[in-house]
């Protein structure tokens, strides 16, 4: 079925001169929209599979250092104060 939809959606080149409301133009438009839906469903399915089988690593808790500081987060830069300007 998906092969048929791909073929119909790519039919645009062959029926470029078809009238806007002609059956061939309507078929091509419907097939193109159906392919968009299939692409979105495929992307959503891949996202769900990745979330289930390849979850992000759990954050590690710092063992020492400043209390409240998390690993991997850089400290805030010092305030500009009286630093020379360029």
PDB file of N, CA and C in Angstrom:
ATOM      1  N   UNK A   1       0.827  -1.186   0.000  1.00  0.00           N
ATOM      2  CA  UNK A   1       0.000   0.000   0.000  1.00  0.00           C
ATOM      3  C   UNK A   1       0.877   1.258   0.000  1.00  0.00           C
ATOM      4  N   UNK A   2       1.932   1.247   0.820  1.00  0.00           N
ATOM      5  CA  UNK A   2       2.779   2.442   0.882  1.00  0.00           C
ATOM      6  C   UNK A   2       3.499   2.677  -0.443  1.00  0.00           C
ATOM      7  N   UNK A   3       3.838   1.606  -1.165  1.00  0.00           N
ATOM      8  CA  UNK A   3       4.460   1.779  -2.486  1.00  0.00           C
ATOM      9  C   UNK A   3       3.511   2.497  -3.437  1.00  0.00           C
ATOM     10  N   UNK A   4       2.242   2.165  -3.353  1.00  0.00           N
ATOM     11  CA  UNK A   4       1.252   2.824  -4.204  1.00  0.00           C
ATOM     12  C   UNK A   4       1.142   4.308  -3.852  1.00  0.00           C
ATOM     13  N   UNK A   5       1.132   4.615  -2.549  1.00  0.00           N
ATOM     14  CA  UNK A   5       1.043   6.018  -2.129  1.00  0.00           C
ATOM     15  C   UNK A   5       2.257   6.814  -2.586  1.00  0.00           C
ATOM     16  N   UNK A   6       3.434   6.213  -2.485  1.00  0.00           N
ATOM     17  CA  UNK A   6       4.649   6.896  -2.944  1.00  0.00           C
ATOM     18  C   UNK A   6       4.567   7.158  -4.441  1.00  0.00           C
ATOM     19  N   UNK A   7       4.135   6.154  -5.197  1.00  0.00           N
ATOM     20  CA  UNK A   7       4.026   6.326  -6.649  1.00  0.00           C
ATOM     21  C   UNK A   7       3.009   7.405  -6.995  1.00  0.00           C
ATOM     22  N   UNK A   8       1.886   7.434  -6.296  1.00  0.00           N
ATOM     23  CA  UNK A   8       0.862   8.443  -6.578  1.00  0.00           C
ATOM     24  C   UNK A   8       1.334   9.832  -6.174  1.00  0.00           C
ATOM     25  N   UNK A   9       2.051   9.939  -5.074  1.00  0.00           N
ATOM     26  CA  UNK A   9       2.536  11.248  -4.630  1.00  0.00           C
ATOM     27  C   UNK A   9       3.593  11.788  -5.582  1.00  0.00           C
ATOM     28  N   UNK A  10       4.374  10.916  -6.183  1.00  0.00           N
ATOM     29  CA  UNK A  10       5.410  11.346  -7.126  1.00  0.00           C
ATOM     30  C   UNK A  10       4.867  11.533  -8.538  1.00  0.00           C
ATOM     31  N   UNK A  11       3.603  11.348  -8.714  1.00  0.00           N
ATOM     32  CA  UNK A  11       2.941  11.472  -9.998  1.00  0.00           C
ATOM     33  C   UNK A  11       2.906  12.917 -10.462  1.00  0.00           C
ATOM     34  N   UNK A  12       3.258  13.806  -9.605  1.00  0.00           N
ATOM     35  CA  UNK A  12       3.189  15.242  -9.862  1.00  0.00           C
ATOM     36  C   UNK A  12       3.909  15.617 -11.157  1.00  0.00           C
ATOM     37  N   UNK A  13       5.038  15.026 -11.404  1.00  0.00           N
ATOM     38  CA  UNK A  13       5.816  15.377 -12.599  1.00  0.00           C
ATOM     39  C   UNK A  13       5.080  14.992 -13.880  1.00  0.00           C
ATOM     40  N   UNK A  14       4.396  13.866 -13.834  1.00  0.00           N
ATOM     41  CA  UNK A  14       3.724  13.376 -15.035  1.00  0.00           C
ATOM     42  C   UNK A  14       2.437  14.131 -15.328  1.00  0.00           C
ATOM     43  N   UNK A  15       1.751  14.598 -14.315  1.00  0.00           N
ATOM     44  CA  UNK A  15       0.466  15.276 -14.503  1.00  0.00           C
ATOM     45  C   UNK A  15       0.542  16.729 -14.072  1.00  0.00           C
ATOM     46  N   UNK A  16       1.610  17.377 -14.411  1.00  0.00           N
ATOM     47  CA  UNK A  16       1.799  18.768 -14.014  1.00  0.00           C
ATOM     48  C   UNK A  16       0.700  19.663 -14.581  1.00  0.00           C
ATOM     49  N   UNK A  17       0.221  19.354 -15.774  1.00  0.00           N
ATOM     50  CA  UNK A  17      -0.787  20.191 -16.418  1.00  0.00           C
ATOM     51  C   UNK A  17      -2.214  19.819 -16.062  1.00  0.00           C
ATOM     52  N   UNK A  18      -2.425  18.886 -15.129  1.00  0.00           N
ATOM     53  CA  UNK A  18      -3.784  18.469 -14.775  1.00  0.00           C
ATOM     54  C   UNK A  18      -4.518  19.608 -14.082  1.00  0.00           C
ATOM     55  N   UNK A  19      -5.819  19.689 -14.350  1.00  0.00           N
ATOM     56  CA  UNK A  19      -6.644  20.725 -13.718  1.00  0.00           C
ATOM     57  C   UNK A  19      -6.656  20.523 -12.210  1.00  0.00           C
ATOM     58  N   UNK A  20      -6.858  21.627 -11.494  1.00  0.00           N
ATOM     59  CA  UNK A  20      -6.745  21.593 -10.034  1.00  0.00           C
ATOM     60  C   UNK A  20      -7.729  20.623  -9.385  1.00  0.00           C
ATOM     61  N   UNK A  21      -8.935  20.532  -9.861  1.00  0.00           N
ATOM     62  CA  UNK A  21      -9.940  19.650  -9.254  1.00  0.00           C
ATOM     63  C   UNK A  21     -10.121  18.354 -10.042  1.00  0.00           C
ATOM     64  N   UNK A  22      -9.187  18.024 -10.913  1.00  0.00           N
ATOM     65  CA  UNK A  22      -9.299  16.788 -11.697  1.00  0.00           C
ATOM     66  C   UNK A  22      -9.045  15.580 -10.799  1.00  0.00           C
ATOM     67  N   UNK A  23      -9.578  14.423 -11.170  1.00  0.00           N
ATOM     68  CA  UNK A  23      -9.365  13.223 -10.351  1.00  0.00           C
ATOM     69  C   UNK A  23      -7.884  12.886 -10.153  1.00  0.00           C
ATOM     70  N   UNK A  24      -7.080  13.054 -11.184  1.00  0.00           N
ATOM     71  CA  UNK A  24      -5.661  12.721 -11.027  1.00  0.00           C
ATOM     72  C   UNK A  24      -4.977  13.674 -10.052  1.00  0.00           C
ATOM     73  N   UNK A  25      -5.341  14.948 -10.088  1.00  0.00           N
ATOM     74  CA  UNK A  25      -4.760  15.919  -9.161  1.00  0.00           C
ATOM     75  C   UNK A  25      -5.231  15.643  -7.739  1.00  0.00           C
ATOM     76  N   UNK A  26      -6.508  15.315  -7.568  1.00  0.00           N
ATOM     77  CA  UNK A  26      -7.026  15.010  -6.232  1.00  0.00           C
ATOM     78  C   UNK A  26      -6.363  13.755  -5.660  1.00  0.00           C
ATOM     79  N   UNK A  27      -6.138  12.753  -6.511  1.00  0.00           N
ATOM     80  CA  UNK A  27      -5.466  11.532  -6.058  1.00  0.00           C
ATOM     81  C   UNK A  27      -4.040  11.833  -5.619  1.00  0.00           C
ATOM     82  N   UNK A  28      -3.339  12.642  -6.404  1.00  0.00           N
ATOM     83  CA  UNK A  28      -1.961  12.990  -6.064  1.00  0.00           C
ATOM     84  C   UNK A  28      -1.911  13.765  -4.740  1.00  0.00           C
ATOM     85  N   UNK A  29      -2.835  14.700  -4.549  1.00  0.00           N
ATOM     86  CA  UNK A  29      -2.870  15.487  -3.314  1.00  0.00           C
ATOM     87  C   UNK A  29      -3.172  14.600  -2.106  1.00  0.00           C
ATOM     88  N   UNK A  30      -4.146  13.706  -2.252  1.00  0.00           N
ATOM     89  CA  UNK A  30      -4.492  12.804  -1.148  1.00  0.00           C
ATOM     90  C   UNK A  30      -3.327  11.881  -0.811  1.00  0.00           C
ATOM     91  N   UNK A  31      -2.651  11.379  -1.816  1.00  0.00           N
ATOM     92  CA  UNK A  31      -1.505  10.496  -1.570  1.00  0.00           C
ATOM     93  C   UNK A  31      -0.382  11.247  -0.881  1.00  0.00           C
ATOM     94  N   UNK A  32      -0.158  12.484  -1.277  1.00  0.00           N
ATOM     95  CA  UNK A  32       0.890  13.284  -0.651  1.00  0.00           C
ATOM     96  C   UNK A  32       0.581  13.532   0.822  1.00  0.00           C
ATOM     97  N   UNK A  33      -0.669  13.830   1.120  1.00  0.00           N
ATOM     98  CA  UNK A  33      -1.062  14.044   2.523  1.00  0.00           C
ATOM     99  C   UNK A  33      -0.955  12.753   3.329  1.00  0.00           C
ATOM    100  N   UNK A  34      -1.335  11.639   2.714  1.00  0.00           N
ATOM    101  CA  UNK A  34      -1.229  10.355   3.407  1.00  0.00           C
ATOM    102  C   UNK A  34       0.227  10.028   3.711  1.00  0.00           C
ATOM    103  N   UNK A  35       1.122  10.353   2.788  1.00  0.00           N
ATOM    104  CA  UNK A  35       2.548  10.123   3.044  1.00  0.00           C
ATOM    105  C   UNK A  35       3.049  10.983   4.194  1.00  0.00           C
ATOM    106  N   UNK A  36       2.548  12.205   4.297  1.00  0.00           N
ATOM    107  CA  UNK A  36       2.949  13.069   5.415  1.00  0.00           C
ATOM    108  C   UNK A  36       2.520  12.453   6.739  1.00  0.00           C
ATOM    109  N   UNK A  37       1.317  11.919   6.777  1.00  0.00           N
ATOM    110  CA  UNK A  37       0.825  11.274   8.000  1.00  0.00           C
ATOM    111  C   UNK A  37       1.668  10.048   8.333  1.00  0.00           C
ATOM    112  N   UNK A  38       1.995   9.251   7.321  1.00  0.00           N
ATOM    113  CA  UNK A  38       2.828   8.069   7.562  1.00  0.00           C
ATOM    114  C   UNK A  38       4.214   8.454   8.065  1.00  0.00           C
ATOM    115  N   UNK A  39       4.769   9.532   7.538  1.00  0.00           N
ATOM    116  CA  UNK A  39       6.089   9.981   7.996  1.00  0.00           C
ATOM    117  C   UNK A  39       6.031  10.430   9.452  1.00  0.00           C
ATOM    118  N   UNK A  40       4.971  11.159   9.831  1.00  0.00           N
ATOM    119  CA  UNK A  40       4.824  11.587  11.225  1.00  0.00           C
ATOM    120  C   UNK A  40       4.643  10.385  12.154  1.00  0.00           C
ATOM    121  N   UNK A  41       3.846   9.414  11.724  1.00  0.00           N
ATOM    122  CA  UNK A  41       3.640   8.220  12.544  1.00  0.00           C
ATOM    123  C   UNK A  41       4.941   7.438  12.700  1.00  0.00           C
ATOM    124  N   UNK A  42       5.721   7.356  11.641  1.00  0.00           N
ATOM    125  CA  UNK A  42       7.008   6.664  11.708  1.00  0.00           C
ATOM    126  C   UNK A  42       7.953   7.367  12.674  1.00  0.00           C
ATOM    127  N   UNK A  43       7.993   8.690  12.605  1.00  0.00           N
ATOM    128  CA  UNK A  43       8.856   9.460  13.509  1.00  0.00           C
ATOM    129  C   UNK A  43       8.425   9.287  14.960  1.00  0.00           C
ATOM    130  N   UNK A  44       7.109   9.296  15.199  1.00  0.00           N
ATOM    131  CA  UNK A  44       6.609   9.114  16.562  1.00  0.00           C
ATOM    132  C   UNK A  44       6.936   7.715  17.074  1.00  0.00           C
ATOM    133  N   UNK A  45       6.810   6.716  16.209  1.00  0.00           N
ATOM    134  CA  UNK A  45       7.136   5.353  16.614  1.00  0.00           C
ATOM    135  C   UNK A  45       8.602   5.203  16.971  1.00  0.00           C
ATOM    136  N   UNK A  46       9.474   5.806  16.164  1.00  0.00           N
ATOM    137  CA  UNK A  46      10.906   5.748  16.472  1.00  0.00           C
ATOM    138  C   UNK A  46      11.218   6.454  17.787  1.00  0.00           C
ATOM    139  N   UNK A  47      10.568   7.576  18.034  1.00  0.00           N
ATOM    140  CA  UNK A  47      10.801   8.302  19.290  1.00  0.00           C
ATOM    141  C   UNK A  47      10.392   7.456  20.489  1.00  0.00           C
ATOM    142  N   UNK A  48       9.252   6.778  20.374  1.00  0.00           N
ATOM    143  CA  UNK A  48       8.801   5.930  21.487  1.00  0.00           C
ATOM    144  C   UNK A  48       9.742   4.749  21.698  1.00  0.00           C
ATOM    145  N   UNK A  49      10.214   4.154  20.605  1.00  0.00           N
ATOM    146  CA  UNK A  49      11.156   3.040  20.742  1.00  0.00           C
ATOM    147  C   UNK A  49      12.461   3.497  21.378  1.00  0.00           C
ATOM    148  N   UNK A  50      12.963   4.659  20.958  1.00  0.00           N
ATOM    149  CA  UNK A  50      14.205   5.171  21.551  1.00  0.00           C
ATOM    150  C   UNK A  50      14.016   5.456  23.033  1.00  0.00           C
ATOM    151  N   UNK A  51      12.875   6.011  23.396  1.00  0.00           N
ATOM    152  CA  UNK A  51      12.625   6.315  24.806  1.00  0.00           C
ATOM    153  C   UNK A  51      12.546   5.038  25.639  1.00  0.00           C
ATOM    154  N   UNK A  52      12.009   3.983  25.061  1.00  0.00           N
ATOM    155  CA  UNK A  52      11.852   2.735  25.808  1.00  0.00           C
ATOM    156  C   UNK A  52      13.142   1.927  25.879  1.00  0.00           C
ATOM    157  N   UNK A  53      13.899   1.888  24.789  1.00  0.00           N
ATOM    158  CA  UNK A  53      15.051   1.002  24.731  1.00  0.00           C
ATOM    159  C   UNK A  53      16.392   1.704  24.828  1.00  0.00           C
ATOM    160  N   UNK A  54      16.424   3.003  24.686  1.00  0.00           N
ATOM    161  CA  UNK A  54      17.681   3.744  24.768  1.00  0.00           C
ATOM    162  C   UNK A  54      17.458   5.011  25.593  1.00  0.00           C
ATOM    163  N   UNK A  55      17.080   4.838  26.877  1.00  0.00           N
ATOM    164  CA  UNK A  55      16.808   6.025  27.688  1.00  0.00           C
ATOM    165  C   UNK A  55      18.079   6.822  27.961  1.00  0.00           C
ATOM    166  N   UNK A  56      17.887   8.083  28.246  1.00  0.00           N
ATOM    167  CA  UNK A  56      19.018   8.954  28.590  1.00  0.00           C
ATOM    168  C   UNK A  56      19.639   8.460  29.891  1.00  0.00           C
ATOM    169  N   UNK A  57      20.942   8.596  30.042  1.00  0.00           N
ATOM    170  CA  UNK A  57      21.572   8.146  31.285  1.00  0.00           C
ATOM    171  C   UNK A  57      21.074   8.968  32.475  1.00  0.00           C
ATOM    172  N   UNK A  58      20.948   8.296  33.605  1.00  0.00           N
ATOM    173  CA  UNK A  58      20.503   8.971  34.820  1.00  0.00           C
ATOM    174  C   UNK A  58      21.599   9.912  35.304  1.00  0.00           C
ATOM    175  N   UNK A  59      21.225  11.086  35.780  1.00  0.00           N
ATOM    176  CA  UNK A  59      22.248  12.020  36.268  1.00  0.00           C
ATOM    177  C   UNK A  59      22.927  11.456  37.514  1.00  0.00           C
ATOM    178  N   UNK A  60      24.218  11.690  37.615  1.00  0.00           N
ATOM    179  CA  UNK A  60      24.964  11.217  38.781  1.00  0.00           C
ATOM    180  C   UNK A  60      24.945  12.294  39.852  1.00  0.00           C
ATOM    181  N   UNK A  61      24.963  11.870  41.094  1.00  0.00           N
ATOM    182  CA  UNK A  61      24.985  12.830  42.193  1.00  0.00           C
ATOM    183  C   UNK A  61      26.431  13.119  42.551  1.00  0.00           C
ATOM    184  N   UNK A  62      26.746  14.359  42.846  1.00  0.00           N
ATOM    185  CA  UNK A  62      28.132  14.690  43.194  1.00  0.00           C
ATOM    186  C   UNK A  62      28.504  14.070  44.539  1.00  0.00           C
ATOM    187  N   UNK A  63      29.727  13.580  44.638  1.00  0.00           N
ATOM    188  CA  UNK A  63      30.175  12.956  45.881  1.00  0.00           C
ATOM    189  C   UNK A  63      30.868  13.954  46.793  1.00  0.00           C
ATOM    190  N   UNK A  64      31.409  14.991  46.248  1.00  0.00           N
ATOM    191  CA  UNK A  64      32.102  15.986  47.068  1.00  0.00           C
ATOM    192  C   UNK A  64      31.947  17.346  46.432  1.00  0.00           C
ATOM    193  N   UNK A  65      32.648  18.296  46.967  1.00  0.00           N
ATOM    194  CA  UNK A  65      32.591  19.633  46.382  1.00  0.00           C
ATOM    195  C   UNK A  65      31.541  20.480  47.063  1.00  0.00           C
ATOM    196  N   UNK A  66      31.040  21.433  46.347  1.00  0.00           N
ATOM    197  CA  UNK A  66      30.084  22.373  46.915  1.00  0.00           C
ATOM    198  C   UNK A  66      28.726  21.706  47.077  1.00  0.00           C
ATOM    199  N   UNK A  67      28.062  21.955  48.200  1.00  0.00           N
ATOM    200  CA  UNK A  67      26.722  21.387  48.362  1.00  0.00           C
ATOM    201  C   UNK A  67      25.763  22.072  47.390  1.00  0.00           C
ATOM    202  N   UNK A  68      24.891  21.284  46.798  1.00  0.00           N
ATOM    203  CA  UNK A  68      23.908  21.830  45.868  1.00  0.00           C
ATOM    204  C   UNK A  68      24.409  21.931  44.449  1.00  0.00           C
ATOM    205  N   UNK A  69      25.707  21.751  44.233  1.00  0.00           N
ATOM    206  CA  UNK A  69      26.241  21.818  42.868  1.00  0.00           C
ATOM    207  C   UNK A  69      26.037  20.463  42.213  1.00  0.00           C
ATOM    208  N   UNK A  70      25.603  20.453  40.995  1.00  0.00           N
ATOM    209  CA  UNK A  70      25.402  19.188  40.299  1.00  0.00           C
ATOM    210  C   UNK A  70      26.564  18.942  39.358  1.00  0.00           C
ATOM    211  N   UNK A  71      26.825  17.677  39.120  1.00  0.00           N
ATOM    212  CA  UNK A  71      27.932  17.313  38.235  1.00  0.00           C
ATOM    213  C   UNK A  71      27.594  17.712  36.810  1.00  0.00           C
ATOM    214  N   UNK A  72      28.556  18.226  36.101  1.00  0.00           N
ATOM    215  CA  UNK A  72      28.352  18.590  34.708  1.00  0.00           C
ATOM    216  C   UNK A  72      27.854  20.004  34.496  1.00  0.00           C
ATOM    217  N   UNK A  73      27.495  20.693  35.551  1.00  0.00           N
ATOM    218  CA  UNK A  73      27.015  22.065  35.417  1.00  0.00           C
ATOM    219  C   UNK A  73      28.148  22.996  35.818  1.00  0.00           C
ATOM    220  N   UNK A  74      28.487  23.886  34.945  1.00  0.00           N
ATOM    221  CA  UNK A  74      29.568  24.822  35.228  1.00  0.00           C
ATOM    222  C   UNK A  74      29.101  25.897  36.196  1.00  0.00           C
ATOM    223  N   UNK A  75      30.009  26.411  37.029  1.00  0.00           N
ATOM    224  CA  UNK A  75      29.614  27.489  37.937  1.00  0.00           C
ATOM    225  C   UNK A  75      29.324  28.754  37.139  1.00  0.00           C
ATOM    226  N   UNK A  76      28.564  29.636  37.735  1.00  0.00           N
ATOM    227  CA  UNK A  76      28.223  30.899  37.071  1.00  0.00           C
ATOM    228  C   UNK A  76      29.486  31.738  36.905  1.00  0.00           C
ATOM    229  N   UNK A  77      29.611  32.461  35.799  1.00  0.00           N
ATOM    230  CA  UNK A  77      30.793  33.299  35.605  1.00  0.00           C
ATOM    231  C   UNK A  77      30.781  34.453  36.600  1.00  0.00           C
ATOM    232  N   UNK A  78      31.939  34.989  36.923  1.00  0.00           N
ATOM    233  CA  UNK A  78      31.972  36.114  37.862  1.00  0.00           C
ATOM    234  C   UNK A  78      31.295  37.332  37.243  1.00  0.00           C
ATOM    235  N   UNK A  79      30.758  38.173  38.110  1.00  0.00           N
ATOM    236  CA  UNK A  79      30.097  39.382  37.604  1.00  0.00           C
ATOM    237  C   UNK A  79      31.142  40.314  37.007  1.00  0.00           C
ATOM    238  N   UNK A  80      30.780  41.114  35.997  1.00  0.00           N
ATOM    239  CA  UNK A  80      31.762  41.967  35.336  1.00  0.00           C
ATOM    240  C   UNK A  80      32.382  42.992  36.281  1.00  0.00           C
ATOM    241  N   UNK A  81      31.628  43.469  37.261  1.00  0.00           N
ATOM    242  CA  UNK A  81      32.173  44.400  38.256  1.00  0.00           C
ATOM    243  C   UNK A  81      32.952  45.538  37.635  1.00  0.00           C
ATOM    244  N   UNK A  82      34.230  45.658  38.016  1.00  0.00           N
ATOM    245  CA  UNK A  82      35.068  46.754  37.525  1.00  0.00           C
ATOM    246  C   UNK A  82      36.068  46.274  36.483  1.00  0.00           C
ATOM    247  N   UNK A  83      35.713  45.248  35.755  1.00  0.00           N
ATOM    248  CA  UNK A  83      36.621  44.738  34.727  1.00  0.00           C
ATOM    249  C   UNK A  83      36.793  45.787  33.633  1.00  0.00           C
ATOM    250  N   UNK A  84      37.979  45.873  33.062  1.00  0.00           N
ATOM    251  CA  UNK A  84      38.197  46.863  31.997  1.00  0.00           C
ATOM    252  C   UNK A  84      37.348  46.528  30.775  1.00  0.00           C
ATOM    253  N   UNK A  85      36.856  47.550  30.124  1.00  0.00           N
ATOM    254  CA  UNK A  85      36.037  47.368  28.921  1.00  0.00           C
ATOM    255  C   UNK A  85      36.890  47.560  27.699  1.00  0.00           C
ATOM    256  N   UNK A  86      36.519  46.915  26.652  1.00  0.00           N
ATOM    257  CA  UNK A  86      37.276  47.030  25.398  1.00  0.00           C
ATOM    258  C   UNK A  86      36.604  47.959  24.436  1.00  0.00           C
TER     259      UNK A  86
END
